[in-house]
Amino acid sequence: MTETNNLHSLKVLAKRYARANRIAQHLALDLIAGELDFPHWSKLITAVKNGWRVNAQQMTDVEAFAMRALPTASFQKGNSEVMKRRFAYLEQAEHGMICDHPYRLQVVLHDVIMAGEGWSIRVPENPGAVPLVETFADRDEKCPVHDPQFLQAALTLARNRAVQVRGEISTDWPRRSTKPDQNGVVRHPLGRGDSNLWFCLHCDGKITGAQIAQNLWHCPGCGTSPLDIFDTAFWTDDEGKSLLLVKADGGEERDGPDFQRVDGRPKLDLSEEKIILLMRSALLDDVNRTGFAGDPNL
């Protein structure tokens, strides 16, 4: 591999990593250099000019690193051992055990769902949304999610997987959709133009470019999806001038989730229409068995 190919491949991986994690390109380059045991990108460039070449195993390791997304806090700490342990933990996350309780973890329409016996946790695609814990049991009954240690471990696992999912979404979008320029201008991921001010059709909120990019294009006020975000408030008479800025910062998760008790018992919900349908079904069954049609007025 030539010097040019070396650098080009590493730069491509750094670009992918920067987009997935919504960080600056220079920070991604330094992280890639760190995976190759250089303190920063400039040192790597100097080594390449002096004849250093990345070998096949190193390139494989860097490619694996670039395919994963982690919270920005992990970048800033720069602890490679902590990051590697988290990678290994996430790779085993589809099925596992927490405190002797089995769980299943999956991604459905970009929401992370973690479930076990009598409980489930949903972490939405929206970074500003609060996780929802559903349980079939009351707090005085035995259910693992009522144990603070179990709940914290499960939430950490589900939230870490949600970070990966959001990183994959960011990678598919234009770079400018998640990285505002110096004027706060961002590009709508669905091709609705560039602007430093956006409007929510759902709640009439006015949102800055930095806010909407940080919250992965979900309204930081009501949480609606990018489908309801526009660069003009075309539904108002004054083009949105009277609309108020959304105060929520977005992109920050609350420490605790919302709890919801679900009654998992089968329910018989009978309306007048359903009762008539059941009676007609019973009469048709009688006709098939006996040939007697019953009351013709039904």
Protein backbone atom coordinates (compact mmCIF):
# COMPACT_ATOMS: atom_id res chain seq x y z
CA MET A 1 0.00 0.00 0.00
CA THR A 2 1.49 3.34 -1.05
CA GLU A 3 1.76 6.42 1.13
CA THR A 4 -1.10 8.07 -0.80
CA ASN A 5 -3.38 5.05 -0.41
CA ASN A 6 -2.48 4.82 3.27
CA LEU A 7 -3.58 8.35 4.02
CA HIS A 8 -6.60 8.27 1.72
CA SER A 9 -8.01 5.13 3.37
CA LEU A 10 -7.47 6.50 6.87
CA LYS A 11 -9.03 9.87 5.95
CA VAL A 12 -12.09 8.12 4.49
CA LEU A 13 -12.52 6.14 7.72
CA ALA A 14 -12.10 9.30 9.80
CA LYS A 15 -14.71 11.10 7.69
CA ARG A 16 -17.16 8.25 8.19
CA TYR A 17 -16.49 8.27 11.92
CA ALA A 18 -16.93 12.04 12.17
CA ARG A 19 -20.27 11.89 10.39
CA ALA A 20 -21.56 8.96 12.45
CA ASN A 21 -20.71 10.66 15.74
CA ARG A 22 -21.41 14.26 14.67
CA ILE A 23 -17.97 15.49 15.67
CA ALA A 24 -15.34 17.65 13.97
CA GLN A 25 -13.19 16.04 11.28
CA HIS A 26 -9.93 16.92 13.04
CA LEU A 27 -11.10 15.14 16.20
CA ALA A 28 -11.95 12.03 14.20
CA LEU A 29 -8.51 12.11 12.56
CA ASP A 30 -6.86 12.28 15.99
CA LEU A 31 -8.95 9.33 17.19
CA ILE A 32 -7.95 7.27 14.16
CA ALA A 33 -4.31 8.16 14.84
CA GLY A 34 -4.78 7.11 18.46
CA GLU A 35 -5.95 3.66 17.33
CA LEU A 36 -2.58 3.35 15.57
CA ASP A 37 -0.67 4.40 18.71
CA PHE A 38 0.07 7.96 17.59
CA PRO A 39 -0.76 10.87 19.96
CA HIS A 40 -2.45 12.82 17.15
CA TRP A 41 -2.85 13.00 13.37
CA SER A 42 0.16 15.26 12.78
CA LYS A 43 2.47 12.66 14.31
CA LEU A 44 0.98 10.01 12.03
CA ILE A 45 1.60 12.22 8.97
CA THR A 46 5.21 12.69 10.01
CA ALA A 47 5.66 8.93 10.43
CA VAL A 48 4.20 8.24 6.99
CA LYS A 49 6.61 10.72 5.41
CA ASN A 50 9.44 8.89 7.14
CA GLY A 51 8.38 5.56 5.66
CA TRP A 52 5.86 4.19 8.15
CA ARG A 53 3.04 2.11 6.62
CA VAL A 54 -0.12 0.75 8.16
CA ASN A 55 -0.22 -3.05 7.93
CA ALA A 56 -3.24 -5.21 7.07
CA GLN A 57 -4.12 -6.06 10.68
CA GLN A 58 -3.91 -2.42 11.77
CA MET A 59 -6.17 -1.39 8.89
CA THR A 60 -8.68 -4.08 9.88
CA ASP A 61 -8.68 -2.82 13.47
CA VAL A 62 -9.15 0.80 12.38
CA GLU A 63 -12.01 -0.18 10.06
CA ALA A 64 -13.73 -1.99 12.95
CA PHE A 65 -13.22 1.07 15.15
CA ALA A 66 -14.71 3.42 12.52
CA MET A 67 -17.82 1.27 12.13
CA ARG A 68 -18.86 1.82 15.73
CA ALA A 69 -20.42 4.89 17.33
CA LEU A 70 -19.87 6.00 20.94
CA PRO A 71 -21.02 8.98 23.04
CA THR A 72 -18.90 12.11 22.68
CA ALA A 73 -17.92 11.89 26.35
CA SER A 74 -15.99 8.72 25.58
CA PHE A 75 -13.96 10.53 22.90
CA GLN A 76 -12.97 13.28 25.27
CA LYS A 77 -11.81 10.87 27.97
CA GLY A 78 -9.66 9.08 25.39
CA ASN A 79 -9.43 5.86 27.40
CA SER A 80 -8.93 3.16 24.77
CA GLU A 81 -9.36 0.30 27.24
CA VAL A 82 -12.73 1.62 28.38
CA MET A 83 -13.81 1.99 24.76
CA LYS A 84 -12.73 -1.57 23.89
CA ARG A 85 -14.63 -3.00 26.85
CA ARG A 86 -17.73 -1.12 25.76
CA PHE A 87 -17.37 -2.51 22.23
CA ALA A 88 -17.20 -6.06 23.58
CA TYR A 89 -20.20 -5.41 25.84
CA LEU A 90 -22.33 -4.09 22.97
CA GLU A 91 -21.43 -6.98 20.68
CA GLN A 92 -23.09 -9.36 23.16
CA ALA A 93 -26.16 -7.21 23.63
CA GLU A 94 -28.70 -8.96 21.39
CA HIS A 95 -29.31 -11.67 24.02
CA GLY A 96 -27.87 -11.74 27.49
CA MET A 97 -28.33 -11.79 31.22
CA ILE A 98 -28.41 -9.06 33.85
CA CYS A 99 -28.44 -10.27 37.45
CA ASP A 100 -29.64 -13.73 36.36
CA HIS A 101 -32.49 -12.22 34.35
CA PRO A 102 -32.47 -12.91 30.58
CA TYR A 103 -33.19 -10.11 28.11
CA ARG A 104 -33.61 -9.58 24.38
CA LEU A 105 -32.47 -6.37 22.68
CA GLN A 106 -33.49 -5.28 19.17
CA VAL A 107 -33.89 -2.19 17.01
CA VAL A 108 -37.35 -1.46 15.58
CA LEU A 109 -37.75 1.58 13.30
CA HIS A 110 -34.64 3.14 14.92
CA ASP A 111 -36.07 2.69 18.43
CA VAL A 112 -34.12 0.39 20.76
CA ILE A 113 -36.33 -2.11 22.58
CA MET A 114 -35.04 -4.25 25.43
CA ALA A 115 -37.40 -6.81 26.94
CA GLY A 116 -37.50 -9.60 29.50
CA GLU A 117 -40.02 -11.52 31.58
CA GLY A 118 -42.79 -9.05 32.44
CA TRP A 119 -40.91 -5.86 31.46
CA SER A 120 -39.60 -3.84 28.52
CA ILE A 121 -37.58 -0.67 27.94
CA ARG A 122 -37.90 1.52 24.85
CA VAL A 123 -35.26 4.15 24.00
CA PRO A 124 -36.63 6.29 21.15
CA GLU A 125 -34.67 7.44 18.10
CA ASN A 126 -35.16 11.02 19.34
CA PRO A 127 -32.12 11.87 21.55
CA GLY A 128 -34.23 14.23 23.63
CA ALA A 129 -36.95 11.71 24.42
CA VAL A 130 -37.18 9.98 27.79
CA PRO A 131 -36.91 6.15 27.83
CA LEU A 132 -40.15 4.33 28.62
CA VAL A 133 -40.22 1.37 31.01
CA GLU A 134 -43.30 -0.85 30.82
CA THR A 135 -44.06 -3.58 33.31
CA PHE A 136 -46.93 -5.98 33.98
CA ALA A 137 -46.22 -5.98 37.73
CA ASP A 138 -46.90 -3.47 40.50
CA ARG A 139 -43.92 -2.10 42.44
CA ASP A 140 -44.67 -4.41 45.37
CA GLU A 141 -44.49 -7.45 43.08
CA LYS A 142 -41.30 -9.12 41.89
CA CYS A 143 -40.05 -7.60 38.66
CA PRO A 144 -36.36 -6.87 37.93
CA VAL A 145 -36.90 -3.34 36.62
CA HIS A 146 -38.01 -2.29 40.11
CA ASP A 147 -34.47 -3.03 41.30
CA PRO A 148 -32.46 0.22 40.84
CA GLN A 149 -29.22 -1.63 40.03
CA PHE A 150 -30.88 -3.81 37.40
CA LEU A 151 -32.70 -0.84 35.89
CA GLN A 152 -29.52 1.23 35.65
CA ALA A 153 -27.64 -1.62 33.96
CA ALA A 154 -30.45 -2.19 31.47
CA LEU A 155 -30.86 1.51 30.69
CA THR A 156 -27.12 1.89 30.11
CA LEU A 157 -27.11 -1.00 27.68
CA ALA A 158 -30.18 0.23 25.78
CA ARG A 159 -28.93 3.82 25.64
CA ASN A 160 -25.52 2.77 24.35
CA ARG A 161 -27.16 0.81 21.55
CA ALA A 162 -29.35 3.86 20.77
CA VAL A 163 -26.17 5.92 20.34
CA GLN A 164 -24.99 3.42 17.73
CA VAL A 165 -28.32 3.58 15.90
CA ARG A 166 -28.21 7.39 15.83
CA GLY A 167 -24.65 7.24 14.54
CA GLU A 168 -25.77 5.06 11.64
CA ILE A 169 -28.54 7.55 10.84
CA SER A 170 -26.09 10.45 10.89
CA THR A 171 -23.76 8.60 8.53
CA ASP A 172 -26.56 8.23 5.97
CA TRP A 173 -27.40 11.95 6.09
CA PRO A 174 -25.44 14.81 4.49
CA ARG A 175 -22.58 15.99 6.69
CA ARG A 176 -24.11 19.49 6.93
CA SER A 177 -27.30 18.03 8.44
CA THR A 178 -25.58 17.27 11.74
CA LYS A 179 -22.72 19.81 11.69
CA PRO A 180 -23.85 23.47 11.60
CA ASP A 181 -21.50 25.97 9.96
CA GLN A 182 -20.21 29.06 11.77
CA ASN A 183 -23.52 30.83 11.12
CA GLY A 184 -25.58 27.95 12.49
CA VAL A 185 -26.82 26.91 9.04
CA VAL A 186 -27.73 23.24 8.64
CA ARG A 187 -29.14 21.18 5.78
CA HIS A 188 -32.43 19.31 6.10
CA PRO A 189 -31.75 15.55 5.79
CA LEU A 190 -34.80 15.16 3.52
CA GLY A 191 -33.61 17.80 1.04
CA ARG A 192 -35.69 20.79 2.18
CA GLY A 193 -32.87 23.30 1.91
CA ASP A 194 -30.32 25.00 4.16
CA SER A 195 -31.17 27.43 6.96
CA ASN A 196 -30.20 28.55 10.45
CA LEU A 197 -33.85 28.70 11.51
CA TRP A 198 -36.45 25.94 11.25
CA PHE A 199 -40.15 25.55 12.05
CA CYS A 200 -42.17 22.67 13.47
CA LEU A 201 -45.51 22.05 11.77
CA HIS A 202 -46.67 19.96 14.72
CA CYS A 203 -46.27 22.46 17.59
CA ASP A 204 -45.53 25.78 15.78
CA GLY A 205 -42.09 25.88 17.36
CA LYS A 206 -39.23 28.00 15.99
CA ILE A 207 -35.91 26.12 16.23
CA THR A 208 -32.31 27.17 15.64
CA GLY A 209 -30.06 25.19 13.32
CA ALA A 210 -27.82 24.14 16.21
CA GLN A 211 -30.82 22.88 18.22
CA ILE A 212 -32.31 20.80 15.44
CA ALA A 213 -28.96 19.27 14.45
CA GLN A 214 -28.16 18.37 18.05
CA ASN A 215 -31.52 16.65 18.45
CA LEU A 216 -31.15 14.60 15.26
CA TRP A 217 -33.85 16.64 13.50
CA HIS A 218 -36.55 15.95 16.06
CA CYS A 219 -38.32 19.00 17.44
CA PRO A 220 -36.79 19.72 20.89
CA GLY A 221 -40.18 21.00 22.00
CA CYS A 222 -42.65 18.28 21.01
CA GLY A 223 -40.34 15.55 19.67
CA THR A 224 -41.88 15.25 16.21
CA SER A 225 -39.82 13.71 13.39
CA PRO A 226 -37.94 15.45 10.53
CA LEU A 227 -41.05 15.03 8.36
CA ASP A 228 -42.70 17.94 10.22
CA ILE A 229 -39.66 20.27 10.17
CA PHE A 230 -39.54 23.02 7.48
CA ASP A 231 -37.37 26.04 6.67
CA THR A 232 -40.46 28.26 6.33
CA ALA A 233 -43.67 28.40 8.36
CA PHE A 234 -45.84 28.34 5.23
CA TRP A 235 -48.95 27.56 7.30
CA THR A 236 -48.85 30.96 9.10
CA ASP A 237 -49.87 34.39 7.85
CA ASP A 238 -46.60 36.09 8.79
CA GLU A 239 -44.14 33.37 7.66
CA GLY A 240 -43.48 32.37 11.25
CA LYS A 241 -42.34 35.77 12.56
CA SER A 242 -44.79 35.57 15.47
CA LEU A 243 -43.77 32.04 16.46
CA LEU A 244 -41.66 31.63 19.60
CA LEU A 245 -38.30 29.93 19.84
CA VAL A 246 -38.35 26.49 21.43
CA LYS A 247 -36.63 26.82 24.81
CA ALA A 248 -35.65 23.17 25.27
CA ASP A 249 -32.03 22.46 24.41
CA GLY A 250 -32.72 18.95 23.14
CA GLY A 251 -30.30 16.08 22.80
CA GLU A 252 -29.97 15.52 26.56
CA GLU A 253 -31.47 12.51 28.25
CA ARG A 254 -33.04 12.71 31.69
CA ASP A 255 -31.48 10.48 34.34
CA GLY A 256 -34.68 8.59 35.08
CA PRO A 257 -37.14 6.96 32.66
CA ASP A 258 -40.93 7.12 32.62
CA PHE A 259 -42.70 4.11 34.10
CA GLN A 260 -45.95 2.70 32.76
CA ARG A 261 -47.80 -0.31 34.13
CA VAL A 262 -49.40 -2.40 31.41
CA ASP A 263 -52.28 -4.78 32.07
CA GLY A 264 -51.28 -7.85 30.10
CA ARG A 265 -54.49 -9.77 30.78
CA PRO A 266 -56.76 -10.48 27.77
CA LYS A 267 -59.65 -8.03 27.55
CA LEU A 268 -63.09 -8.44 26.04
CA ASP A 269 -63.98 -5.07 24.54
CA LEU A 270 -67.53 -5.27 23.23
CA SER A 271 -69.26 -2.39 21.51
CA GLU A 272 -72.74 -2.53 19.99
CA GLU A 273 -71.24 -3.12 16.56
CA LYS A 274 -69.07 -5.98 17.81
CA ILE A 275 -72.00 -7.59 19.65
CA ILE A 276 -74.09 -7.57 16.46
CA LEU A 277 -71.18 -9.05 14.51
CA LEU A 278 -70.76 -11.84 17.09
CA MET A 279 -74.49 -12.64 17.01
CA ARG A 280 -74.52 -12.80 13.22
CA SER A 281 -71.47 -15.04 13.26
CA ALA A 282 -73.23 -17.35 15.73
CA LEU A 283 -76.36 -17.45 13.55
CA LEU A 284 -74.33 -18.28 10.47
CA ASP A 285 -72.70 -21.09 12.40
CA ASP A 286 -76.18 -22.40 13.38
CA VAL A 287 -77.26 -22.33 9.74
CA ASN A 288 -74.23 -24.31 8.68
CA ARG A 289 -74.85 -26.91 11.38
CA THR A 290 -78.67 -27.21 11.48
CA GLY A 291 -80.05 -25.37 8.46
CA PHE A 292 -82.19 -23.16 10.77
CA ALA A 293 -81.65 -19.42 10.10
CA GLY A 294 -83.14 -18.06 13.35
CA ASP A 295 -84.56 -14.52 13.49
CA PRO A 296 -84.34 -12.96 9.96
CA ASN A 297 -84.39 -9.44 11.47
CA LEU A 298 -80.89 -9.84 12.90
